[in-house]
């Protein structure tokens, strides 16, 4: 497996089009990781307190329609 420095060096050798293609792929990859993390947090109940607070704010009229 390559280390970060080796990956950086390989990226530096890419042409501009390939760098943009890689950037697009990496952005999508990061979004997938974020989605997995959020899903795990929801399933583990780590966001329950925030959801409860949001629902209380809604019930008590402390929200603004977008």
C-alpha atoms as a PDB file:
ATOM      1  CA  UNK A   1       0.000   0.000   0.000  1.00  0.00           C
ATOM      2  CA  UNK A   2       1.197   3.505  -0.812  1.00  0.00           C
ATOM      3  CA  UNK A   3       1.794   6.061   1.903  1.00  0.00           C
ATOM      4  CA  UNK A   4       0.498   9.632   1.725  1.00  0.00           C
ATOM      5  CA  UNK A   5       3.750  11.070   0.377  1.00  0.00           C
ATOM      6  CA  UNK A   6       3.799   8.513  -2.443  1.00  0.00           C
ATOM      7  CA  UNK A   7       0.186   9.324  -3.294  1.00  0.00           C
ATOM      8  CA  UNK A   8       0.959  13.059  -3.281  1.00  0.00           C
ATOM      9  CA  UNK A   9       3.891  12.480  -5.634  1.00  0.00           C
ATOM     10  CA  UNK A  10       1.749  10.391  -7.979  1.00  0.00           C
ATOM     11  CA  UNK A  11      -0.960  13.067  -8.033  1.00  0.00           C
ATOM     12  CA  UNK A  12       1.611  15.765  -8.802  1.00  0.00           C
ATOM     13  CA  UNK A  13       2.512  13.841 -11.973  1.00  0.00           C
ATOM     14  CA  UNK A  14      -1.070  13.779 -13.296  1.00  0.00           C
ATOM     15  CA  UNK A  15      -2.224  16.094 -16.044  1.00  0.00           C
ATOM     16  CA  UNK A  16      -4.805  18.752 -15.218  1.00  0.00           C
ATOM     17  CA  UNK A  17      -7.759  16.763 -16.551  1.00  0.00           C
ATOM     18  CA  UNK A  18      -6.826  13.747 -14.434  1.00  0.00           C
ATOM     19  CA  UNK A  19      -6.437  15.934 -11.335  1.00  0.00           C
ATOM     20  CA  UNK A  20      -9.979  17.297 -11.818  1.00  0.00           C
ATOM     21  CA  UNK A  21     -11.289  13.761 -12.337  1.00  0.00           C
ATOM     22  CA  UNK A  22      -9.546  12.655  -9.146  1.00  0.00           C
ATOM     23  CA  UNK A  23     -10.891  15.664  -7.246  1.00  0.00           C
ATOM     24  CA  UNK A  24     -14.450  14.816  -8.318  1.00  0.00           C
ATOM     25  CA  UNK A  25     -13.995  11.182  -7.288  1.00  0.00           C
ATOM     26  CA  UNK A  26     -12.483  12.174  -3.934  1.00  0.00           C
ATOM     27  CA  UNK A  27     -15.327  14.578  -3.167  1.00  0.00           C
ATOM     28  CA  UNK A  28     -17.848  11.789  -3.812  1.00  0.00           C
ATOM     29  CA  UNK A  29     -15.756   9.387  -1.710  1.00  0.00           C
ATOM     30  CA  UNK A  30     -15.714  11.826   1.217  1.00  0.00           C
ATOM     31  CA  UNK A  31     -19.481  12.313   0.933  1.00  0.00           C
ATOM     32  CA  UNK A  32     -20.002   8.555   1.145  1.00  0.00           C
ATOM     33  CA  UNK A  33     -17.812   8.367   4.256  1.00  0.00           C
ATOM     34  CA  UNK A  34     -19.778  11.229   5.825  1.00  0.00           C
ATOM     35  CA  UNK A  35     -23.086   9.528   5.005  1.00  0.00           C
ATOM     36  CA  UNK A  36     -21.884   6.289   6.639  1.00  0.00           C
ATOM     37  CA  UNK A  37     -20.735   8.172   9.732  1.00  0.00           C
ATOM     38  CA  UNK A  38     -24.048  10.010  10.085  1.00  0.00           C
ATOM     39  CA  UNK A  39     -25.997   6.777   9.617  1.00  0.00           C
ATOM     40  CA  UNK A  40     -23.902   5.041  12.288  1.00  0.00           C
ATOM     41  CA  UNK A  41     -24.433   7.983  14.655  1.00  0.00           C
ATOM     42  CA  UNK A  42     -28.202   7.869  14.076  1.00  0.00           C
ATOM     43  CA  UNK A  43     -28.392   4.116  14.633  1.00  0.00           C
ATOM     44  CA  UNK A  44     -26.292   4.411  17.792  1.00  0.00           C
ATOM     45  CA  UNK A  45     -28.559   7.156  19.155  1.00  0.00           C
ATOM     46  CA  UNK A  46     -25.819   9.769  19.281  1.00  0.00           C
ATOM     47  CA  UNK A  47     -28.081  12.347  17.597  1.00  0.00           C
ATOM     48  CA  UNK A  48     -31.205  11.685  19.661  1.00  0.00           C
ATOM     49  CA  UNK A  49     -30.661  14.646  21.994  1.00  0.00           C
ATOM     50  CA  UNK A  50     -30.268  17.012  19.039  1.00  0.00           C
ATOM     51  CA  UNK A  51     -33.397  15.639  17.377  1.00  0.00           C
ATOM     52  CA  UNK A  52     -35.347  16.037  20.624  1.00  0.00           C
ATOM     53  CA  UNK A  53     -34.150  19.624  20.965  1.00  0.00           C
ATOM     54  CA  UNK A  54     -35.172  20.410  17.380  1.00  0.00           C
ATOM     55  CA  UNK A  55     -38.624  18.930  17.931  1.00  0.00           C
ATOM     56  CA  UNK A  56     -39.057  20.964  21.138  1.00  0.00           C
ATOM     57  CA  UNK A  57     -38.064  24.119  19.264  1.00  0.00           C
ATOM     58  CA  UNK A  58     -40.614  23.280  16.573  1.00  0.00           C
ATOM     59  CA  UNK A  59     -43.360  22.604  19.132  1.00  0.00           C
ATOM     60  CA  UNK A  60     -42.594  25.849  20.959  1.00  0.00           C
ATOM     61  CA  UNK A  61     -42.509  27.976  17.786  1.00  0.00           C
ATOM     62  CA  UNK A  62     -38.794  28.769  17.847  1.00  0.00           C
ATOM     63  CA  UNK A  63     -38.239  27.960  14.178  1.00  0.00           C
ATOM     64  CA  UNK A  64     -38.396  29.897  10.945  1.00  0.00           C
ATOM     65  CA  UNK A  65     -39.642  28.482   7.650  1.00  0.00           C
ATOM     66  CA  UNK A  66     -37.056  28.539   4.907  1.00  0.00           C
END
